[in-house]
């Protein structure tokens, strides 16, 4: 997981098919702005080398999280603000699953299956319970209801988002495919902590980062957004099942900031 305190945008000239072209690269650093500039220039050099034929350069590239860091929880977890203004928990090895759809029945049997009378969310919860108590019974599973489906936090060991076994497990739980891809690219798991603006009837905004100077428009928007957010929760705890596992502090913080303990509308 790559998050940085200092960011800068550097423009560099590279050659594309013999023509000079200007590209812009962001560089990040936890040391200084000057160090961030060096990182940006190195990135531009890699782009030039890739164009020149070094095709493997970015195969294992870990995508930076170019978002403002609001809080460093510990050495493996930070809270950032995403592009539409919500707070997001980023954790390196605590598996968080985002599940919006129940798993479809495979093969021809699915074509002749009777229509399931359970709700879509009930199907998702039942699918999670079945896997959690059989194949993955050695782990603990905290199951949360979200606006669209379920969020699951898996306890019991560290999970590398780039490991093939982790990827297979995410597929088995029908984890959102775009979310799973992002986890691998950024080498971390993410969980939104505050509501989506559109779900609490707050006008949308695009949060640009890094910012130049004071953004009065953003500050005004944040006051409106945070005031409206108090009437909503992001998720509520359904149950913890599987093997008995203690709840880490980062999970307790997640529960507090998402409003798990409050019976409010989900957003």
Protein backbone atom coordinates (compact mmCIF):
# COMPACT_ATOMS: atom_id res chain seq x y z
CA UNK A 1 0.00 0.00 0.00
CA UNK A 2 1.46 3.33 -1.06
CA UNK A 3 0.18 6.51 0.57
CA UNK A 4 2.20 9.71 0.75
CA UNK A 5 2.26 12.96 2.70
CA UNK A 6 3.80 15.03 -0.11
CA UNK A 7 2.63 15.08 -3.72
CA UNK A 8 3.61 16.99 -6.82
CA UNK A 9 2.74 17.02 -10.52
CA UNK A 10 5.71 17.13 -12.87
CA UNK A 11 5.62 17.66 -16.63
CA UNK A 12 8.29 15.89 -18.65
CA UNK A 13 9.10 15.68 -22.35
CA UNK A 14 9.46 12.20 -23.83
CA UNK A 15 9.88 10.81 -27.34
CA UNK A 16 6.97 8.94 -28.95
CA UNK A 17 7.80 7.62 -32.44
CA UNK A 18 10.46 10.28 -32.78
CA UNK A 19 8.16 13.13 -31.77
CA UNK A 20 8.55 15.12 -28.57
CA UNK A 21 5.46 14.87 -26.37
CA UNK A 22 4.80 16.36 -22.96
CA UNK A 23 3.36 14.08 -20.27
CA UNK A 24 2.34 14.81 -16.68
CA UNK A 25 3.24 12.43 -13.85
CA UNK A 26 2.35 12.59 -10.17
CA UNK A 27 5.06 11.76 -7.66
CA UNK A 28 4.58 11.05 -3.97
CA UNK A 29 6.90 11.01 -0.96
CA UNK A 30 6.81 10.92 2.81
CA UNK A 31 10.10 12.83 2.96
CA UNK A 32 9.67 16.10 1.06
CA UNK A 33 8.16 17.79 -1.99
CA UNK A 34 11.56 17.64 -3.70
CA UNK A 35 11.70 13.89 -3.14
CA UNK A 36 8.19 13.66 -4.64
CA UNK A 37 9.49 15.55 -7.71
CA UNK A 38 12.26 12.99 -8.11
CA UNK A 39 9.71 10.17 -7.90
CA UNK A 40 7.59 11.84 -10.61
CA UNK A 41 10.62 12.21 -12.89
CA UNK A 42 11.55 8.56 -12.37
CA UNK A 43 8.02 7.57 -13.33
CA UNK A 44 8.29 9.59 -16.56
CA UNK A 45 11.61 7.88 -17.32
CA UNK A 46 9.93 4.49 -16.91
CA UNK A 47 7.17 5.53 -19.32
CA UNK A 48 9.86 6.45 -21.86
CA UNK A 49 11.61 3.11 -21.37
CA UNK A 50 8.34 1.22 -21.80
CA UNK A 51 7.65 3.07 -25.07
CA UNK A 52 11.20 2.16 -26.14
CA UNK A 53 10.42 -1.54 -25.71
CA UNK A 54 10.79 -2.60 -22.05
CA UNK A 55 7.30 -4.10 -21.92
CA UNK A 56 7.61 -5.76 -18.48
CA UNK A 57 8.33 -2.53 -16.58
CA UNK A 58 4.87 -1.98 -15.07
CA UNK A 59 3.72 -5.61 -14.69
CA UNK A 60 4.18 -5.64 -10.89
CA UNK A 61 3.59 -1.91 -10.47
CA UNK A 62 1.77 -1.06 -7.24
CA UNK A 63 -0.71 1.76 -7.86
CA UNK A 64 -0.38 4.66 -5.43
CA UNK A 65 -3.40 5.82 -3.45
CA UNK A 66 -3.43 9.48 -4.48
CA UNK A 67 -5.81 10.66 -1.77
CA UNK A 68 -5.42 12.94 1.21
CA UNK A 69 -4.43 10.99 4.33
CA UNK A 70 -6.80 12.06 7.11
CA UNK A 71 -5.54 9.70 9.81
CA UNK A 72 -2.76 7.13 10.19
CA UNK A 73 -4.34 4.35 12.26
CA UNK A 74 -1.15 2.27 12.52
CA UNK A 75 1.70 1.06 10.30
CA UNK A 76 -0.73 -0.96 8.17
CA UNK A 77 -3.89 1.16 8.04
CA UNK A 78 -4.77 4.72 7.03
CA UNK A 79 -7.96 6.70 6.46
CA UNK A 80 -8.11 8.79 3.28
CA UNK A 81 -10.65 10.97 1.49
CA UNK A 82 -11.69 9.63 -1.90
CA UNK A 83 -12.49 11.49 -5.13
CA UNK A 84 -16.15 12.11 -4.20
CA UNK A 85 -15.42 13.21 -0.63
CA UNK A 86 -16.10 10.11 1.47
CA UNK A 87 -13.68 8.79 4.08
CA UNK A 88 -12.12 5.41 3.26
CA UNK A 89 -10.27 2.90 5.42
CA UNK A 90 -7.24 1.36 3.65
CA UNK A 91 -5.73 -1.75 5.28
CA UNK A 92 -2.87 -3.89 4.01
CA UNK A 93 -3.65 -7.42 5.22
CA UNK A 94 -7.09 -7.38 6.88
CA UNK A 95 -9.35 -8.93 4.25
CA UNK A 96 -12.48 -6.91 3.53
CA UNK A 97 -14.98 -8.29 1.02
CA UNK A 98 -17.49 -6.15 -0.88
CA UNK A 99 -20.40 -8.28 -2.09
CA UNK A 100 -23.31 -6.73 -4.00
CA UNK A 101 -24.85 -9.78 -5.68
CA UNK A 102 -25.63 -13.40 -4.70
CA UNK A 103 -23.73 -16.04 -6.60
CA UNK A 104 -25.60 -17.20 -9.70
CA UNK A 105 -26.37 -20.90 -10.05
CA UNK A 106 -24.00 -22.43 -12.57
CA UNK A 107 -24.62 -24.88 -15.41
CA UNK A 108 -27.91 -26.00 -16.89
CA UNK A 109 -29.33 -26.59 -13.43
CA UNK A 110 -29.54 -22.86 -12.93
CA UNK A 111 -31.90 -22.54 -15.90
CA UNK A 112 -34.51 -24.83 -14.35
CA UNK A 113 -34.11 -23.76 -10.73
CA UNK A 114 -37.26 -22.48 -9.05
CA UNK A 115 -37.35 -18.76 -8.45
CA UNK A 116 -35.70 -18.01 -5.11
CA UNK A 117 -38.21 -16.41 -2.74
CA UNK A 118 -35.50 -14.97 -0.50
CA UNK A 119 -34.48 -11.35 -0.86
CA UNK A 120 -31.26 -10.62 -2.73
CA UNK A 121 -29.51 -9.66 0.52
CA UNK A 122 -30.76 -12.82 2.27
CA UNK A 123 -29.25 -14.87 -0.56
CA UNK A 124 -25.93 -13.07 -0.11
CA UNK A 125 -25.90 -13.62 3.67
CA UNK A 126 -26.76 -17.32 3.27
CA UNK A 127 -23.98 -17.77 0.70
CA UNK A 128 -21.48 -16.15 3.07
CA UNK A 129 -22.64 -18.26 6.03
CA UNK A 130 -22.31 -21.50 4.04
CA UNK A 131 -18.72 -20.81 2.97
CA UNK A 132 -17.73 -19.30 6.30
CA UNK A 133 -18.88 -22.30 8.33
CA UNK A 134 -17.65 -25.06 5.99
CA UNK A 135 -14.67 -24.48 3.70
CA UNK A 136 -13.34 -21.49 5.64
CA UNK A 137 -14.43 -22.49 9.13
CA UNK A 138 -10.96 -21.81 10.58
CA UNK A 139 -11.52 -18.06 10.22
CA UNK A 140 -13.87 -15.59 11.86
CA UNK A 141 -16.29 -13.61 9.68
CA UNK A 142 -17.93 -10.32 10.62
CA UNK A 143 -20.89 -9.88 8.29
CA UNK A 144 -22.33 -6.40 7.74
CA UNK A 145 -25.34 -5.24 5.78
CA UNK A 146 -24.63 -2.36 3.38
CA UNK A 147 -26.87 -0.23 1.17
CA UNK A 148 -26.50 -2.65 -1.75
CA UNK A 149 -25.44 -5.93 -0.20
CA UNK A 150 -22.83 -7.06 2.30
CA UNK A 151 -19.39 -6.20 3.63
CA UNK A 152 -17.37 -8.97 5.25
CA UNK A 153 -14.26 -8.62 7.42
CA UNK A 154 -12.27 -11.86 7.71
CA UNK A 155 -10.38 -12.48 10.96
CA UNK A 156 -7.80 -15.12 11.82
CA UNK A 157 -4.74 -14.34 9.72
CA UNK A 158 -3.21 -11.84 7.30
CA UNK A 159 -4.33 -12.02 3.66
CA UNK A 160 -2.09 -10.73 0.87
CA UNK A 161 -4.38 -9.11 -1.77
CA UNK A 162 -1.99 -10.19 -4.54
CA UNK A 163 -1.80 -13.84 -3.50
CA UNK A 164 -3.55 -16.33 -5.82
CA UNK A 165 -5.30 -18.05 -2.88
CA UNK A 166 -6.72 -14.68 -1.78
CA UNK A 167 -7.95 -13.92 -5.28
CA UNK A 168 -9.61 -17.35 -5.48
CA UNK A 169 -11.31 -16.79 -2.11
CA UNK A 170 -12.65 -13.42 -3.24
CA UNK A 171 -14.13 -15.05 -6.35
CA UNK A 172 -15.74 -17.81 -4.26
CA UNK A 173 -17.50 -15.19 -2.13
CA UNK A 174 -18.62 -13.40 -5.31
CA UNK A 175 -16.73 -10.27 -4.28
CA UNK A 176 -17.24 -7.32 -6.63
CA UNK A 177 -14.77 -7.90 -9.47
CA UNK A 178 -13.72 -4.26 -9.89
CA UNK A 179 -13.11 -3.96 -6.16
CA UNK A 180 -11.05 -7.18 -6.18
CA UNK A 181 -8.96 -5.86 -9.09
CA UNK A 182 -8.32 -2.59 -7.23
CA UNK A 183 -7.24 -4.51 -4.11
CA UNK A 184 -4.57 -6.28 -6.17
CA UNK A 185 -3.40 -3.11 -7.92
CA UNK A 186 -3.12 -1.07 -4.71
CA UNK A 187 -2.00 -3.99 -2.50
CA UNK A 188 -4.63 -3.27 0.14
CA UNK A 189 -8.32 -3.58 1.00
CA UNK A 190 -10.65 -0.59 1.18
CA UNK A 191 -13.86 0.13 3.07
CA UNK A 192 -15.90 3.31 2.75
CA UNK A 193 -16.56 4.77 6.22
CA UNK A 194 -18.94 7.64 5.43
CA UNK A 195 -21.99 7.82 3.13
CA UNK A 196 -22.00 8.34 -0.61
CA UNK A 197 -23.14 11.97 -1.15
CA UNK A 198 -25.79 10.98 -3.71
CA UNK A 199 -27.48 8.69 -1.16
CA UNK A 200 -27.90 11.45 1.42
CA UNK A 201 -29.04 14.09 -1.08
CA UNK A 202 -25.87 16.16 -0.91
CA UNK A 203 -24.63 17.73 -4.13
CA UNK A 204 -21.68 15.97 -5.69
CA UNK A 205 -18.15 17.30 -5.74
CA UNK A 206 -14.90 16.13 -7.32
CA UNK A 207 -12.10 16.19 -4.77
CA UNK A 208 -8.82 17.04 -6.47
CA UNK A 209 -5.63 15.96 -4.75
CA UNK A 210 -3.02 17.25 -4.34
CA UNK A 211 -4.69 20.64 -3.91
CA UNK A 212 -3.10 24.02 -4.42
CA UNK A 213 -3.75 26.43 -1.56
CA UNK A 214 -6.99 26.59 0.43
CA UNK A 215 -10.07 25.17 -1.25
CA UNK A 216 -12.96 27.18 0.21
CA UNK A 217 -15.50 25.39 -1.97
CA UNK A 218 -14.41 22.02 -0.58
CA UNK A 219 -14.48 23.28 3.01
CA UNK A 220 -18.06 24.52 2.57
CA UNK A 221 -19.07 21.25 0.94
CA UNK A 222 -17.49 19.20 3.76
CA UNK A 223 -19.48 21.10 6.38
CA UNK A 224 -22.72 20.32 4.47
CA UNK A 225 -21.74 16.69 3.85
CA UNK A 226 -20.65 15.94 7.42
CA UNK A 227 -23.80 17.49 8.84
CA UNK A 228 -26.03 15.37 6.57
CA UNK A 229 -23.96 12.22 7.23
CA UNK A 230 -24.93 12.21 10.92
CA UNK A 231 -28.37 10.85 10.00
CA UNK A 232 -27.04 7.78 8.18
CA UNK A 233 -24.91 4.68 8.72
CA UNK A 234 -22.73 3.00 6.11
CA UNK A 235 -23.32 -0.51 7.42
CA UNK A 236 -24.77 -2.46 10.32
CA UNK A 237 -23.43 -5.64 11.88
CA UNK A 238 -25.51 -8.71 11.08
CA UNK A 239 -23.41 -11.26 12.99
CA UNK A 240 -19.94 -12.67 13.61
CA UNK A 241 -19.63 -16.34 12.73
CA UNK A 242 -16.99 -19.01 12.19
CA UNK A 243 -14.04 -19.56 14.48
CA UNK A 244 -13.89 -17.43 17.61
CA UNK A 245 -11.54 -14.52 16.93
CA UNK A 246 -10.79 -11.33 18.83
CA UNK A 247 -11.77 -8.05 17.16
CA UNK A 248 -8.74 -5.86 16.29
CA UNK A 249 -8.73 -2.15 17.14
CA UNK A 250 -8.87 -1.20 13.46
CA UNK A 251 -12.16 -3.12 13.16
CA UNK A 252 -13.54 -1.37 16.24
CA UNK A 253 -12.62 1.94 14.62
CA UNK A 254 -14.34 0.83 11.39
CA UNK A 255 -17.50 0.02 13.34
CA UNK A 256 -17.46 3.35 15.13
CA UNK A 257 -16.97 5.47 12.02
CA UNK A 258 -19.48 3.58 9.86
CA UNK A 259 -22.19 3.97 12.49
CA UNK A 260 -22.64 0.25 13.15
CA UNK A 261 -24.07 0.89 16.60
CA UNK A 262 -26.78 3.28 15.41
CA UNK A 263 -30.13 2.13 13.90
CA UNK A 264 -30.07 4.56 11.00
CA UNK A 265 -30.74 4.36 7.28
CA UNK A 266 -27.93 2.84 5.25
CA UNK A 267 -26.08 4.95 2.73
